[in-house]
Amino acid sequence: MIKTIQVSIDKDLEDLIPGFLENRKKDIETMKLALVEEDFQQVRMIGHRMKGFGSGYGFDFITELGKQLEEAAKEEDTNSIAEAITNLVNYLDQIKICFE
């Protein structure tokens, strides 16, 4: 059974959240390809963006993963990048959003 992670989001952001989450799924695919191609700059840029806007949408964990991805990409640490991508996939599969 998959553990559910409840995330409380401001009701004012309700219309934006589906697109935000869909873009994170696209980021996952882009980072997987970048990892295979050893395009650390691409991973670093996506991590930097995630770090910058995750919390603004109410997703603090995405901000934390963004920090991890950015640092791992700077160090060209493929194992840490792969782990962070897996953590993002799992997180997106587990979240349940409550609008307040």
N, C-alpha and C. Protein backbone atom coordinates (compact mmCIF):
# COMPACT_ATOMS: atom_id res chain seq x y z
N MET A 1 0.84 -1.19 0.00
CA MET A 1 0.00 0.00 0.00
C MET A 1 0.88 1.25 0.00
N ILE A 2 0.52 2.19 -0.83
CA ILE A 2 1.30 3.42 -0.95
C ILE A 2 0.90 4.38 0.17
N LYS A 3 1.92 4.89 0.83
CA LYS A 3 1.71 5.88 1.89
C LYS A 3 1.27 7.20 1.25
N THR A 4 0.29 7.85 1.85
CA THR A 4 -0.20 9.13 1.36
C THR A 4 0.45 10.27 2.13
N ILE A 5 0.88 11.27 1.40
CA ILE A 5 1.46 12.47 2.00
C ILE A 5 0.46 13.60 1.75
N GLN A 6 -0.12 14.12 2.82
CA GLN A 6 -1.09 15.20 2.69
C GLN A 6 -0.37 16.54 2.63
N VAL A 7 -0.74 17.33 1.64
CA VAL A 7 -0.14 18.65 1.46
C VAL A 7 -1.27 19.68 1.46
N SER A 8 -1.17 20.67 2.32
CA SER A 8 -2.17 21.75 2.38
C SER A 8 -1.71 22.90 1.50
N ILE A 9 -2.59 23.29 0.59
CA ILE A 9 -2.28 24.33 -0.39
C ILE A 9 -3.33 25.43 -0.27
N ASP A 10 -2.89 26.66 -0.43
CA ASP A 10 -3.79 27.81 -0.43
C ASP A 10 -4.83 27.65 -1.55
N LYS A 11 -6.09 27.83 -1.20
CA LYS A 11 -7.18 27.68 -2.17
C LYS A 11 -7.01 28.60 -3.38
N ASP A 12 -6.34 29.74 -3.19
CA ASP A 12 -6.12 30.67 -4.29
C ASP A 12 -5.25 30.06 -5.40
N LEU A 13 -4.50 29.01 -5.07
CA LEU A 13 -3.61 28.38 -6.05
C LEU A 13 -4.24 27.16 -6.72
N GLU A 14 -5.49 26.86 -6.38
CA GLU A 14 -6.13 25.62 -6.85
C GLU A 14 -6.08 25.47 -8.38
N ASP A 15 -6.31 26.52 -9.12
CA ASP A 15 -6.30 26.43 -10.57
C ASP A 15 -4.90 26.20 -11.14
N LEU A 16 -3.87 26.58 -10.40
CA LEU A 16 -2.50 26.48 -10.89
C LEU A 16 -1.84 25.12 -10.60
N ILE A 17 -2.34 24.42 -9.61
CA ILE A 17 -1.67 23.22 -9.13
C ILE A 17 -1.62 22.09 -10.16
N PRO A 18 -2.69 21.79 -10.89
CA PRO A 18 -2.57 20.70 -11.88
C PRO A 18 -1.45 20.95 -12.90
N GLY A 19 -1.34 22.15 -13.41
CA GLY A 19 -0.28 22.48 -14.35
C GLY A 19 1.09 22.41 -13.71
N PHE A 20 1.18 22.88 -12.47
CA PHE A 20 2.44 22.83 -11.73
C PHE A 20 2.91 21.38 -11.61
N LEU A 21 2.02 20.49 -11.21
CA LEU A 21 2.38 19.09 -11.02
C LEU A 21 2.70 18.41 -12.35
N GLU A 22 1.96 18.75 -13.39
CA GLU A 22 2.25 18.19 -14.71
C GLU A 22 3.64 18.61 -15.19
N ASN A 23 4.01 19.84 -14.91
CA ASN A 23 5.35 20.32 -15.28
C ASN A 23 6.44 19.59 -14.51
N ARG A 24 6.16 19.19 -13.27
CA ARG A 24 7.16 18.43 -12.52
C ARG A 24 7.35 17.05 -13.15
N LYS A 25 6.26 16.48 -13.64
CA LYS A 25 6.37 15.17 -14.32
C LYS A 25 7.19 15.31 -15.60
N LYS A 26 7.03 16.41 -16.30
CA LYS A 26 7.85 16.66 -17.49
C LYS A 26 9.31 16.85 -17.08
N ASP A 27 9.54 17.54 -15.96
CA ASP A 27 10.91 17.72 -15.45
C ASP A 27 11.57 16.37 -15.18
N ILE A 28 10.80 15.44 -14.65
CA ILE A 28 11.34 14.11 -14.35
C ILE A 28 11.86 13.47 -15.63
N GLU A 29 11.05 13.49 -16.67
CA GLU A 29 11.47 12.88 -17.93
C GLU A 29 12.69 13.60 -18.51
N THR A 30 12.68 14.92 -18.43
CA THR A 30 13.82 15.69 -18.93
C THR A 30 15.09 15.36 -18.15
N MET A 31 14.97 15.24 -16.84
CA MET A 31 16.16 14.94 -16.02
C MET A 31 16.65 13.52 -16.23
N LYS A 32 15.74 12.58 -16.44
CA LYS A 32 16.16 11.20 -16.72
C LYS A 32 17.01 11.15 -17.99
N LEU A 33 16.54 11.84 -19.03
CA LEU A 33 17.29 11.90 -20.28
C LEU A 33 18.62 12.63 -20.08
N ALA A 34 18.58 13.74 -19.36
CA ALA A 34 19.81 14.51 -19.10
C ALA A 34 20.82 13.67 -18.32
N LEU A 35 20.34 12.86 -17.40
CA LEU A 35 21.23 12.01 -16.62
C LEU A 35 21.93 10.99 -17.53
N VAL A 36 21.16 10.38 -18.43
CA VAL A 36 21.74 9.42 -19.38
C VAL A 36 22.80 10.10 -20.25
N GLU A 37 22.50 11.33 -20.65
CA GLU A 37 23.41 12.08 -21.52
C GLU A 37 24.50 12.83 -20.74
N GLU A 38 24.47 12.70 -19.43
CA GLU A 38 25.40 13.40 -18.53
C GLU A 38 25.35 14.91 -18.76
N ASP A 39 24.13 15.42 -18.97
CA ASP A 39 23.91 16.86 -19.14
C ASP A 39 23.61 17.45 -17.75
N PHE A 40 24.66 17.64 -17.00
CA PHE A 40 24.52 18.11 -15.62
C PHE A 40 24.00 19.54 -15.55
N GLN A 41 24.27 20.32 -16.56
CA GLN A 41 23.78 21.70 -16.61
C GLN A 41 22.25 21.72 -16.65
N GLN A 42 21.67 20.83 -17.45
CA GLN A 42 20.21 20.75 -17.54
C GLN A 42 19.60 20.37 -16.19
N VAL A 43 20.19 19.37 -15.53
CA VAL A 43 19.70 18.95 -14.22
C VAL A 43 19.86 20.08 -13.21
N ARG A 44 20.98 20.78 -13.26
CA ARG A 44 21.21 21.89 -12.34
C ARG A 44 20.17 22.98 -12.52
N MET A 45 19.84 23.30 -13.76
CA MET A 45 18.85 24.35 -14.02
C MET A 45 17.46 23.94 -13.52
N ILE A 46 17.07 22.70 -13.76
CA ILE A 46 15.76 22.24 -13.28
C ILE A 46 15.74 22.24 -11.75
N GLY A 47 16.81 21.75 -11.14
CA GLY A 47 16.89 21.77 -9.68
C GLY A 47 16.80 23.18 -9.13
N HIS A 48 17.48 24.11 -9.77
CA HIS A 48 17.45 25.51 -9.33
C HIS A 48 16.03 26.07 -9.41
N ARG A 49 15.32 25.78 -10.50
CA ARG A 49 13.93 26.26 -10.63
C ARG A 49 13.04 25.64 -9.55
N MET A 50 13.19 24.34 -9.34
CA MET A 50 12.38 23.66 -8.32
C MET A 50 12.64 24.26 -6.95
N LYS A 51 13.90 24.52 -6.67
CA LYS A 51 14.28 25.12 -5.39
C LYS A 51 13.62 26.47 -5.21
N GLY A 52 13.51 27.22 -6.30
CA GLY A 52 12.98 28.57 -6.24
C GLY A 52 11.47 28.66 -6.10
N PHE A 53 10.73 27.72 -6.67
CA PHE A 53 9.29 27.90 -6.64
C PHE A 53 8.50 26.82 -5.91
N GLY A 54 9.11 25.75 -5.48
CA GLY A 54 8.37 24.68 -4.79
C GLY A 54 7.60 25.18 -3.58
N SER A 55 8.28 25.87 -2.69
CA SER A 55 7.63 26.36 -1.47
C SER A 55 6.56 27.40 -1.77
N GLY A 56 6.76 28.19 -2.80
CA GLY A 56 5.78 29.21 -3.17
C GLY A 56 4.42 28.62 -3.53
N TYR A 57 4.46 27.39 -4.01
CA TYR A 57 3.21 26.68 -4.32
C TYR A 57 2.75 25.80 -3.16
N GLY A 58 3.53 25.76 -2.10
CA GLY A 58 3.16 24.96 -0.94
C GLY A 58 3.83 23.60 -0.89
N PHE A 59 4.79 23.37 -1.76
CA PHE A 59 5.48 22.08 -1.82
C PHE A 59 6.92 22.22 -1.34
N ASP A 60 7.08 22.26 -0.02
CA ASP A 60 8.41 22.43 0.56
C ASP A 60 9.35 21.29 0.18
N PHE A 61 8.81 20.08 0.05
CA PHE A 61 9.66 18.94 -0.30
C PHE A 61 10.24 19.10 -1.70
N ILE A 62 9.49 19.70 -2.62
CA ILE A 62 10.01 19.94 -3.96
C ILE A 62 11.15 20.94 -3.91
N THR A 63 11.03 21.93 -3.04
CA THR A 63 12.13 22.89 -2.86
C THR A 63 13.38 22.17 -2.36
N GLU A 64 13.21 21.28 -1.38
CA GLU A 64 14.35 20.53 -0.84
C GLU A 64 14.99 19.65 -1.91
N LEU A 65 14.16 18.97 -2.69
CA LEU A 65 14.70 18.13 -3.77
C LEU A 65 15.42 18.98 -4.80
N GLY A 66 14.89 20.17 -5.07
CA GLY A 66 15.55 21.08 -6.00
C GLY A 66 16.96 21.43 -5.53
N LYS A 67 17.10 21.70 -4.24
CA LYS A 67 18.43 21.98 -3.67
C LYS A 67 19.36 20.79 -3.86
N GLN A 68 18.84 19.59 -3.57
CA GLN A 68 19.66 18.38 -3.71
C GLN A 68 20.08 18.17 -5.16
N LEU A 69 19.15 18.36 -6.08
CA LEU A 69 19.46 18.18 -7.50
C LEU A 69 20.49 19.19 -7.98
N GLU A 70 20.31 20.43 -7.57
CA GLU A 70 21.25 21.47 -8.00
C GLU A 70 22.66 21.16 -7.50
N GLU A 71 22.78 20.80 -6.24
CA GLU A 71 24.11 20.48 -5.68
C GLU A 71 24.71 19.23 -6.31
N ALA A 72 23.88 18.19 -6.48
CA ALA A 72 24.38 16.95 -7.08
C ALA A 72 24.85 17.19 -8.51
N ALA A 73 24.13 18.03 -9.24
CA ALA A 73 24.51 18.32 -10.62
C ALA A 73 25.83 19.10 -10.66
N LYS A 74 26.02 20.02 -9.74
CA LYS A 74 27.28 20.77 -9.68
C LYS A 74 28.45 19.83 -9.45
N GLU A 75 28.21 18.78 -8.65
CA GLU A 75 29.26 17.81 -8.32
C GLU A 75 29.30 16.65 -9.32
N GLU A 76 28.38 16.67 -10.30
CA GLU A 76 28.26 15.60 -11.29
C GLU A 76 28.11 14.24 -10.62
N ASP A 77 27.29 14.22 -9.58
CA ASP A 77 27.05 13.02 -8.77
C ASP A 77 25.81 12.30 -9.31
N THR A 78 26.03 11.37 -10.23
CA THR A 78 24.93 10.69 -10.90
C THR A 78 24.06 9.89 -9.93
N ASN A 79 24.67 9.28 -8.92
CA ASN A 79 23.89 8.48 -7.96
C ASN A 79 22.92 9.36 -7.18
N SER A 80 23.39 10.52 -6.73
CA SER A 80 22.53 11.43 -5.96
C SER A 80 21.43 12.01 -6.84
N ILE A 81 21.75 12.29 -8.10
CA ILE A 81 20.74 12.80 -9.02
C ILE A 81 19.66 11.74 -9.22
N ALA A 82 20.06 10.51 -9.49
CA ALA A 82 19.10 9.43 -9.70
C ALA A 82 18.23 9.22 -8.47
N GLU A 83 18.83 9.30 -7.29
CA GLU A 83 18.07 9.14 -6.04
C GLU A 83 17.04 10.26 -5.88
N ALA A 84 17.44 11.50 -6.17
CA ALA A 84 16.52 12.63 -6.04
C ALA A 84 15.38 12.53 -7.04
N ILE A 85 15.67 12.07 -8.25
CA ILE A 85 14.61 11.88 -9.25
C ILE A 85 13.62 10.83 -8.76
N THR A 86 14.13 9.73 -8.23
CA THR A 86 13.26 8.68 -7.69
C THR A 86 12.42 9.22 -6.54
N ASN A 87 13.02 10.02 -5.67
CA ASN A 87 12.28 10.62 -4.56
C ASN A 87 11.17 11.55 -5.06
N LEU A 88 11.42 12.27 -6.14
CA LEU A 88 10.40 13.15 -6.70
C LEU A 88 9.26 12.33 -7.30
N VAL A 89 9.59 11.26 -8.02
CA VAL A 89 8.56 10.38 -8.57
C VAL A 89 7.68 9.83 -7.46
N ASN A 90 8.31 9.32 -6.41
CA ASN A 90 7.56 8.75 -5.28
C ASN A 90 6.69 9.79 -4.60
N TYR A 91 7.24 10.97 -4.40
CA TYR A 91 6.50 12.06 -3.76
C TYR A 91 5.25 12.41 -4.57
N LEU A 92 5.42 12.57 -5.88
CA LEU A 92 4.27 12.93 -6.72
C LEU A 92 3.22 11.83 -6.73
N ASP A 93 3.65 10.59 -6.61
CA ASP A 93 2.71 9.46 -6.55
C ASP A 93 1.95 9.41 -5.22
N GLN A 94 2.53 9.98 -4.18
CA GLN A 94 1.98 9.83 -2.84
C GLN A 94 1.19 11.04 -2.34
N ILE A 95 1.33 12.20 -2.96
CA ILE A 95 0.70 13.38 -2.40
C ILE A 95 -0.82 13.38 -2.59
N LYS A 96 -1.45 13.90 -1.59
CA LYS A 96 -2.90 14.17 -1.62
C LYS A 96 -3.03 15.63 -1.23
N ILE A 97 -3.62 16.41 -2.10
CA ILE A 97 -3.68 17.86 -1.90
C ILE A 97 -5.01 18.24 -1.26
N CYS A 98 -4.91 19.06 -0.22
CA CYS A 98 -6.08 19.64 0.43
C CYS A 98 -5.98 21.15 0.27
N PHE A 99 -7.02 21.74 -0.30
CA PHE A 99 -7.01 23.19 -0.51
C PHE A 99 -7.72 23.85 0.68
N GLU A 100 -7.06 24.83 1.23
CA GLU A 100 -7.59 25.53 2.42
C GLU A 100 -7.79 27.00 2.13
